[in-house]
Amino acid sequence: MWNHGTKMRAAFAARNLAWARLTSQELTDVIAYLQELPQTQAVARTFQLPPAGNGEKVFQSKGCADCHTGDRAPENLMRNDVRTGTSMWARSRSLALEDRLLNQTLTDVAVDMWNHLPKMKQPPPTLAPEEMREIIAYIWARQYFTGRGKVASGKKIFAEKHCAECHDDPSTGAPSLGKGRDGHSSITMVAALWQHGPRMLELMNQKQWAWPQFREQQMSDLIAYLNSR
């Protein structure tokens, strides 16, 4: 669908047809129909994502990063695009892909790319099947490492959940929670709680504190605050 999109647009235009937008369910139904055709019986029906390591290189080399930027550094976001006069913050927020694959299926991704194709830089880059897999794996993985929390809310949670009473007091032996070398993410937080959770529970029981409960957004806010320290 991606590689033939340019020719399909030309064919649509020649017949004075509007670009046919699809929903995820419609594409799922089309795929189910195609899979039942005699000529597709030998086509593989499984899809596996490769390691995401090479995906960033492909994402850059194919020009995807020229538009789909996620650079939220203040020095870049506060300036305006000299060609359009629009805020780089607005462009970054509207075109960055970090948050767009949350709870998305591969069919959802395919539909989004199909529906978006007429608005893209033309002609779009050609992608081999393996390159497409690598790009999707790279972007999909980023949703687990890109924070969406609010620092101010995280600071409040850090105090309310008694985190500060141990992690800001060297006498307790608890580590100081700053950004560190690589920063915090959902993955590093899971690893830390898995390794240190039993000891934390023991200390909290000694202080007669209830084990704190977090909602998803609260944890995102807490991670954002820790990365700001």
C-alpha atoms as a PDB file:
ATOM      1  CA  MET A   1       0.000   0.000   0.000  1.00  0.00           C
ATOM      2  CA  TRP A   2       2.789   2.408   0.911  1.00  0.00           C
ATOM      3  CA  ASN A   3       5.053   1.861  -2.073  1.00  0.00           C
ATOM      4  CA  HIS A   4       2.182   1.920  -4.579  1.00  0.00           C
ATOM      5  CA  GLY A   5       0.470   4.915  -3.027  1.00  0.00           C
ATOM      6  CA  THR A   6       1.834   7.438  -5.554  1.00  0.00           C
ATOM      7  CA  LYS A   7       0.613   5.427  -8.558  1.00  0.00           C
ATOM      8  CA  MET A   8      -2.712   4.809  -6.851  1.00  0.00           C
ATOM      9  CA  ARG A   9      -3.171   8.549  -6.265  1.00  0.00           C
ATOM     10  CA  ALA A  10      -2.546   9.172  -9.960  1.00  0.00           C
ATOM     11  CA  ALA A  11      -5.061   6.477 -10.886  1.00  0.00           C
ATOM     12  CA  PHE A  12      -7.640   7.976  -8.512  1.00  0.00           C
ATOM     13  CA  ALA A  13      -7.069  11.440  -9.995  1.00  0.00           C
ATOM     14  CA  ALA A  14      -7.390  10.143 -13.568  1.00  0.00           C
ATOM     15  CA  ARG A  15     -10.817   8.799 -12.681  1.00  0.00           C
ATOM     16  CA  ASN A  16     -11.785  11.924 -10.700  1.00  0.00           C
ATOM     17  CA  LEU A  17     -12.083   9.827  -7.549  1.00  0.00           C
ATOM     18  CA  ALA A  18     -11.458  11.202  -4.072  1.00  0.00           C
ATOM     19  CA  TRP A  19      -8.826   9.423  -1.984  1.00  0.00           C
ATOM     20  CA  ALA A  20     -10.588   6.510  -0.293  1.00  0.00           C
ATOM     21  CA  ARG A  21     -10.115   6.799   3.468  1.00  0.00           C
ATOM     22  CA  LEU A  22     -10.287   3.592   5.486  1.00  0.00           C
ATOM     23  CA  THR A  23     -11.104   2.665   9.054  1.00  0.00           C
ATOM     24  CA  SER A  24      -9.227  -0.056  10.910  1.00  0.00           C
ATOM     25  CA  GLN A  25     -12.230  -2.375  10.697  1.00  0.00           C
ATOM     26  CA  GLU A  26     -12.572  -1.825   6.965  1.00  0.00           C
ATOM     27  CA  LEU A  27      -8.913  -2.668   6.390  1.00  0.00           C
ATOM     28  CA  THR A  28      -9.253  -5.740   8.615  1.00  0.00           C
ATOM     29  CA  ASP A  29     -12.205  -6.885   6.483  1.00  0.00           C
ATOM     30  CA  VAL A  30     -10.257  -6.251   3.247  1.00  0.00           C
ATOM     31  CA  ILE A  31      -7.297  -8.271   4.565  1.00  0.00           C
ATOM     32  CA  ALA A  32      -9.614 -11.131   5.591  1.00  0.00           C
ATOM     33  CA  TYR A  33     -11.088 -11.148   2.069  1.00  0.00           C
ATOM     34  CA  LEU A  34      -7.668 -11.078   0.382  1.00  0.00           C
ATOM     35  CA  GLN A  35      -6.412 -13.932   2.552  1.00  0.00           C
ATOM     36  CA  GLU A  36      -9.188 -16.150   1.214  1.00  0.00           C
ATOM     37  CA  LEU A  37      -8.272 -15.634  -2.427  1.00  0.00           C
ATOM     38  CA  PRO A  38      -6.620 -18.657  -4.113  1.00  0.00           C
ATOM     39  CA  GLN A  39      -3.604 -16.609  -5.215  1.00  0.00           C
ATOM     40  CA  THR A  40      -2.785 -15.525  -1.651  1.00  0.00           C
ATOM     41  CA  GLN A  41      -2.950 -18.897   0.075  1.00  0.00           C
ATOM     42  CA  ALA A  42       0.842 -19.281   0.058  1.00  0.00           C
ATOM     43  CA  VAL A  43       1.520 -15.774   1.422  1.00  0.00           C
ATOM     44  CA  ALA A  44       2.800 -15.653   4.994  1.00  0.00           C
ATOM     45  CA  ARG A  45       0.106 -14.482   7.435  1.00  0.00           C
ATOM     46  CA  THR A  46       2.285 -13.745  10.436  1.00  0.00           C
ATOM     47  CA  PHE A  47       4.203 -10.588  11.239  1.00  0.00           C
ATOM     48  CA  GLN A  48       7.103 -10.252  13.631  1.00  0.00           C
ATOM     49  CA  LEU A  49       8.798  -7.046  14.639  1.00  0.00           C
ATOM     50  CA  PRO A  50      12.604  -7.097  14.340  1.00  0.00           C
ATOM     51  CA  PRO A  51      14.917  -5.546  16.939  1.00  0.00           C
ATOM     52  CA  ALA A  52      14.453  -1.780  16.888  1.00  0.00           C
ATOM     53  CA  GLY A  53      18.185  -0.982  16.729  1.00  0.00           C
ATOM     54  CA  ASN A  54      18.370  -0.301  12.981  1.00  0.00           C
ATOM     55  CA  GLY A  55      14.988   1.423  12.791  1.00  0.00           C
ATOM     56  CA  GLU A  56      16.321   4.836  13.790  1.00  0.00           C
ATOM     57  CA  LYS A  57      18.885   4.764  10.969  1.00  0.00           C
ATOM     58  CA  VAL A  58      16.181   3.903   8.429  1.00  0.00           C
ATOM     59  CA  PHE A  59      13.863   6.543   9.921  1.00  0.00           C
ATOM     60  CA  GLN A  60      16.594   9.139   9.395  1.00  0.00           C
ATOM     61  CA  SER A  61      17.872   7.979   6.007  1.00  0.00           C
ATOM     62  CA  LYS A  62      14.391   7.828   4.454  1.00  0.00           C
ATOM     63  CA  GLY A  63      13.687  11.403   5.482  1.00  0.00           C
ATOM     64  CA  CYS A  64      10.932  10.547   7.963  1.00  0.00           C
ATOM     65  CA  ALA A  65      12.658  12.580  10.674  1.00  0.00           C
ATOM     66  CA  ASP A  66      12.675  15.685   8.457  1.00  0.00           C
ATOM     67  CA  CYS A  67       8.971  16.164   9.188  1.00  0.00           C
ATOM     68  CA  HIS A  68       8.137  13.799  12.041  1.00  0.00           C
ATOM     69  CA  THR A  69      10.366  15.479  14.552  1.00  0.00           C
ATOM     70  CA  GLY A  70      10.093  14.840  18.246  1.00  0.00           C
ATOM     71  CA  ASP A  71      12.711  17.390  19.259  1.00  0.00           C
ATOM     72  CA  ARG A  72      11.218  19.084  22.296  1.00  0.00           C
ATOM     73  CA  ALA A  73      14.393  20.834  23.391  1.00  0.00           C
ATOM     74  CA  PRO A  74      13.436  24.383  24.481  1.00  0.00           C
ATOM     75  CA  GLU A  75      16.041  26.055  22.264  1.00  0.00           C
ATOM     76  CA  ASN A  76      14.465  24.368  19.238  1.00  0.00           C
ATOM     77  CA  LEU A  77      10.819  24.620  20.221  1.00  0.00           C
ATOM     78  CA  MET A  78      10.759  28.313  21.098  1.00  0.00           C
ATOM     79  CA  ARG A  79      11.886  29.455  17.669  1.00  0.00           C
ATOM     80  CA  ASN A  80       9.685  29.831  14.584  1.00  0.00           C
ATOM     81  CA  ASP A  81      10.039  28.078  11.265  1.00  0.00           C
ATOM     82  CA  VAL A  82      11.599  30.750   9.015  1.00  0.00           C
ATOM     83  CA  ARG A  83       9.728  29.448   5.966  1.00  0.00           C
ATOM     84  CA  THR A  84       6.199  29.309   7.407  1.00  0.00           C
ATOM     85  CA  GLY A  85       6.386  31.475  10.531  1.00  0.00           C
ATOM     86  CA  THR A  86       4.773  28.688  12.527  1.00  0.00           C
ATOM     87  CA  SER A  87       5.974  27.698  15.957  1.00  0.00           C
ATOM     88  CA  MET A  88       8.395  24.786  16.046  1.00  0.00           C
ATOM     89  CA  TRP A  89       6.588  23.702  19.231  1.00  0.00           C
ATOM     90  CA  ALA A  90       3.354  23.428  17.274  1.00  0.00           C
ATOM     91  CA  ARG A  91       5.084  21.494  14.482  1.00  0.00           C
ATOM     92  CA  SER A  92       6.781  19.182  16.939  1.00  0.00           C
ATOM     93  CA  ARG A  93       3.574  18.515  18.816  1.00  0.00           C
ATOM     94  CA  SER A  94       1.550  17.869  15.652  1.00  0.00           C
ATOM     95  CA  LEU A  95       4.029  15.734  13.725  1.00  0.00           C
ATOM     96  CA  ALA A  96       6.025  13.869  16.365  1.00  0.00           C
ATOM     97  CA  LEU A  97       5.230  10.154  16.470  1.00  0.00           C
ATOM     98  CA  GLU A  98       6.237   9.356  20.062  1.00  0.00           C
ATOM     99  CA  ASP A  99       2.694   9.151  21.394  1.00  0.00           C
ATOM    100  CA  ARG A 100       0.801   8.067  18.322  1.00  0.00           C
ATOM    101  CA  LEU A 101       1.174   4.298  18.618  1.00  0.00           C
ATOM    102  CA  LEU A 102      -0.240   4.032  22.128  1.00  0.00           C
ATOM    103  CA  ASN A 103      -2.761   1.164  22.141  1.00  0.00           C
ATOM    104  CA  GLN A 104      -2.542   0.924  18.350  1.00  0.00           C
ATOM    105  CA  THR A 105      -2.630  -2.300  16.366  1.00  0.00           C
ATOM    106  CA  LEU A 106      -0.632  -2.797  13.184  1.00  0.00           C
ATOM    107  CA  THR A 107      -3.874  -2.405  11.246  1.00  0.00           C
ATOM    108  CA  ASP A 108      -4.413   0.966  12.930  1.00  0.00           C
ATOM    109  CA  VAL A 109      -0.899   1.996  11.874  1.00  0.00           C
ATOM    110  CA  ALA A 110      -1.491   0.887   8.279  1.00  0.00           C
ATOM    111  CA  VAL A 111      -4.777   2.830   8.132  1.00  0.00           C
ATOM    112  CA  ASP A 112      -3.162   5.980   9.524  1.00  0.00           C
ATOM    113  CA  MET A 113      -0.385   5.797   6.938  1.00  0.00           C
ATOM    114  CA  TRP A 114      -2.859   5.180   4.111  1.00  0.00           C
ATOM    115  CA  ASN A 115      -5.150   8.044   5.108  1.00  0.00           C
ATOM    116  CA  HIS A 116      -2.214  10.395   5.610  1.00  0.00           C
ATOM    117  CA  LEU A 117      -0.437   9.598   2.335  1.00  0.00           C
ATOM    118  CA  PRO A 118      -1.990  12.418   0.226  1.00  0.00           C
ATOM    119  CA  LYS A 119      -0.687  14.999   2.744  1.00  0.00           C
ATOM    120  CA  MET A 120       2.854  13.697   2.758  1.00  0.00           C
ATOM    121  CA  LYS A 121       5.913  14.988   0.949  1.00  0.00           C
ATOM    122  CA  GLN A 122       5.660  13.653  -2.574  1.00  0.00           C
ATOM    123  CA  PRO A 123       6.831  11.298  -3.753  1.00  0.00           C
ATOM    124  CA  PRO A 124       7.146   9.412  -0.451  1.00  0.00           C
ATOM    125  CA  PRO A 125      10.248   7.249   0.008  1.00  0.00           C
ATOM    126  CA  THR A 126      10.111   3.638  -1.126  1.00  0.00           C
ATOM    127  CA  LEU A 127      10.389   1.184   1.745  1.00  0.00           C
ATOM    128  CA  ALA A 128      11.344  -2.477   1.503  1.00  0.00           C
ATOM    129  CA  PRO A 129       9.261  -4.796   3.728  1.00  0.00           C
ATOM    130  CA  GLU A 130      12.169  -5.200   6.155  1.00  0.00           C
ATOM    131  CA  GLU A 131      12.694  -1.430   6.332  1.00  0.00           C
ATOM    132  CA  MET A 132       9.018  -0.884   7.129  1.00  0.00           C
ATOM    133  CA  ARG A 133       9.232  -3.488   9.883  1.00  0.00           C
ATOM    134  CA  GLU A 134      12.310  -1.797  11.329  1.00  0.00           C
ATOM    135  CA  ILE A 135      10.722   1.660  11.316  1.00  0.00           C
ATOM    136  CA  ILE A 136       7.550   0.422  13.022  1.00  0.00           C
ATOM    137  CA  ALA A 137       9.581  -1.484  15.609  1.00  0.00           C
ATOM    138  CA  TYR A 138      11.636   1.640  16.332  1.00  0.00           C
ATOM    139  CA  ILE A 139       8.639   3.955  16.722  1.00  0.00           C
ATOM    140  CA  TRP A 140       6.588   1.391  18.609  1.00  0.00           C
ATOM    141  CA  ALA A 141       9.373   0.864  21.127  1.00  0.00           C
ATOM    142  CA  ARG A 142       9.673   4.599  21.764  1.00  0.00           C
ATOM    143  CA  GLN A 143       6.228   4.811  23.352  1.00  0.00           C
ATOM    144  CA  TYR A 144       7.623   2.881  26.325  1.00  0.00           C
ATOM    145  CA  PHE A 145      10.542   5.281  26.816  1.00  0.00           C
ATOM    146  CA  THR A 146       9.006   8.672  26.006  1.00  0.00           C
ATOM    147  CA  GLY A 147       7.540  10.452  29.000  1.00  0.00           C
ATOM    148  CA  ARG A 148       4.202  12.246  28.934  1.00  0.00           C
ATOM    149  CA  GLY A 149       4.104  13.407  32.539  1.00  0.00           C
ATOM    150  CA  LYS A 150       3.961  16.833  34.165  1.00  0.00           C
ATOM    151  CA  VAL A 151       6.879  17.861  36.355  1.00  0.00           C
ATOM    152  CA  ALA A 152       4.830  20.026  38.723  1.00  0.00           C
ATOM    153  CA  SER A 153       2.325  17.238  39.371  1.00  0.00           C
ATOM    154  CA  GLY A 154       5.158  14.737  39.806  1.00  0.00           C
ATOM    155  CA  LYS A 155       6.823  16.912  42.451  1.00  0.00           C
ATOM    156  CA  LYS A 156       3.582  16.996  44.425  1.00  0.00           C
ATOM    157  CA  ILE A 157       3.175  13.211  44.143  1.00  0.00           C
ATOM    158  CA  PHE A 158       6.785  12.701  45.262  1.00  0.00           C
ATOM    159  CA  ALA A 159       5.934  14.470  48.510  1.00  0.00           C
ATOM    160  CA  GLU A 160       2.426  13.061  49.019  1.00  0.00           C
ATOM    161  CA  LYS A 161       3.505   9.438  48.557  1.00  0.00           C
ATOM    162  CA  HIS A 162       6.315   9.831  51.168  1.00  0.00           C
ATOM    163  CA  CYS A 163       9.017   9.302  48.518  1.00  0.00           C
ATOM    164  CA  ALA A 164      10.902  12.392  49.719  1.00  0.00           C
ATOM    165  CA  GLU A 165      11.029  11.232  53.338  1.00  0.00           C
ATOM    166  CA  CYS A 166      13.434   8.445  52.414  1.00  0.00           C
ATOM    167  CA  HIS A 167      14.957   9.364  49.058  1.00  0.00           C
ATOM    168  CA  ASP A 168      15.809  12.922  50.147  1.00  0.00           C
ATOM    169  CA  ASP A 169      17.228  11.807  53.492  1.00  0.00           C
ATOM    170  CA  PRO A 170      20.728  10.244  53.201  1.00  0.00           C
ATOM    171  CA  SER A 171      20.450   8.805  56.730  1.00  0.00           C
ATOM    172  CA  THR A 172      17.815   6.296  55.561  1.00  0.00           C
ATOM    173  CA  GLY A 173      20.203   4.634  53.139  1.00  0.00           C
ATOM    174  CA  ALA A 174      17.687   5.067  50.292  1.00  0.00           C
ATOM    175  CA  PRO A 175      19.261   6.222  47.015  1.00  0.00           C
ATOM    176  CA  SER A 176      18.785   9.796  45.893  1.00  0.00           C
ATOM    177  CA  LEU A 177      16.432   9.797  42.931  1.00  0.00           C
ATOM    178  CA  GLY A 178      17.783  12.117  40.284  1.00  0.00           C
ATOM    179  CA  LYS A 179      17.879  11.817  36.526  1.00  0.00           C
ATOM    180  CA  GLY A 180      21.157   9.898  36.561  1.00  0.00           C
ATOM    181  CA  ARG A 181      23.089   8.977  33.447  1.00  0.00           C
ATOM    182  CA  ASP A 182      20.246   7.685  31.284  1.00  0.00           C
ATOM    183  CA  GLY A 183      17.174   9.105  32.975  1.00  0.00           C
ATOM    184  CA  HIS A 184      14.065   7.309  34.160  1.00  0.00           C
ATOM    185  CA  SER A 185      11.390   5.627  32.070  1.00  0.00           C
ATOM    186  CA  SER A 186       8.559   3.185  32.621  1.00  0.00           C
ATOM    187  CA  ILE A 187      11.004   0.346  31.964  1.00  0.00           C
ATOM    188  CA  THR A 188      13.642   1.505  34.463  1.00  0.00           C
ATOM    189  CA  MET A 189      10.935   2.153  37.049  1.00  0.00           C
ATOM    190  CA  VAL A 190       9.602  -1.391  36.714  1.00  0.00           C
ATOM    191  CA  ALA A 191      13.137  -2.786  37.104  1.00  0.00           C
ATOM    192  CA  ALA A 192      13.844  -0.621  40.174  1.00  0.00           C
ATOM    193  CA  LEU A 193      10.593  -1.547  41.920  1.00  0.00           C
ATOM    194  CA  TRP A 194      11.119  -5.224  41.148  1.00  0.00           C
ATOM    195  CA  GLN A 195      14.595  -5.244  42.679  1.00  0.00           C
ATOM    196  CA  HIS A 196      14.036  -2.865  45.593  1.00  0.00           C
ATOM    197  CA  GLY A 197      10.321  -3.320  46.253  1.00  0.00           C
ATOM    198  CA  PRO A 198      10.673  -5.900  49.077  1.00  0.00           C
ATOM    199  CA  ARG A 199      13.136  -3.701  50.987  1.00  0.00           C
ATOM    200  CA  MET A 200      10.950  -0.644  50.473  1.00  0.00           C
ATOM    201  CA  LEU A 201       7.932  -2.534  51.790  1.00  0.00           C
ATOM    202  CA  GLU A 202       9.903  -3.613  54.861  1.00  0.00           C
ATOM    203  CA  LEU A 203      10.930  -0.026  55.657  1.00  0.00           C
ATOM    204  CA  MET A 204       7.438   1.298  55.076  1.00  0.00           C
ATOM    205  CA  ASN A 205       5.969  -1.301  57.412  1.00  0.00           C
ATOM    206  CA  GLN A 206       8.435  -0.172  60.066  1.00  0.00           C
ATOM    207  CA  LYS A 207       7.155   3.382  59.681  1.00  0.00           C
ATOM    208  CA  GLN A 208       3.557   2.114  59.559  1.00  0.00           C
ATOM    209  CA  TRP A 209       2.976   3.649  56.137  1.00  0.00           C
ATOM    210  CA  ALA A 210       0.517   2.096  53.728  1.00  0.00           C
ATOM    211  CA  TRP A 211       1.979   0.888  50.449  1.00  0.00           C
ATOM    212  CA  PRO A 212       1.316   3.763  48.002  1.00  0.00           C
ATOM    213  CA  GLN A 213      -1.012   3.184  45.081  1.00  0.00           C
ATOM    214  CA  PHE A 214      -0.428   4.955  41.762  1.00  0.00           C
ATOM    215  CA  ARG A 215      -2.599   5.656  38.779  1.00  0.00           C
ATOM    216  CA  GLU A 216      -0.976   5.559  35.338  1.00  0.00           C
ATOM    217  CA  GLN A 217      -0.831   9.345  34.961  1.00  0.00           C
ATOM    218  CA  GLN A 218       0.593   9.755  38.454  1.00  0.00           C
ATOM    219  CA  MET A 219       3.467   7.448  37.621  1.00  0.00           C
ATOM    220  CA  SER A 220       4.105   9.335  34.373  1.00  0.00           C
ATOM    221  CA  ASP A 221       4.150  12.604  36.310  1.00  0.00           C
ATOM    222  CA  LEU A 222       6.509  11.146  38.921  1.00  0.00           C
ATOM    223  CA  ILE A 223       8.930   9.948  36.236  1.00  0.00           C
ATOM    224  CA  ALA A 224       8.863  13.382  34.609  1.00  0.00           C
ATOM    225  CA  TYR A 225       9.718  14.993  37.938  1.00  0.00           C
ATOM    226  CA  LEU A 226      12.567  12.565  38.646  1.00  0.00           C
ATOM    227  CA  ASN A 227      14.037  13.345  35.242  1.00  0.00           C
ATOM    228  CA  SER A 228      13.934  17.064  36.067  1.00  0.00           C
ATOM    229  CA  ARG A 229      15.943  16.777  39.307  1.00  0.00           C
END
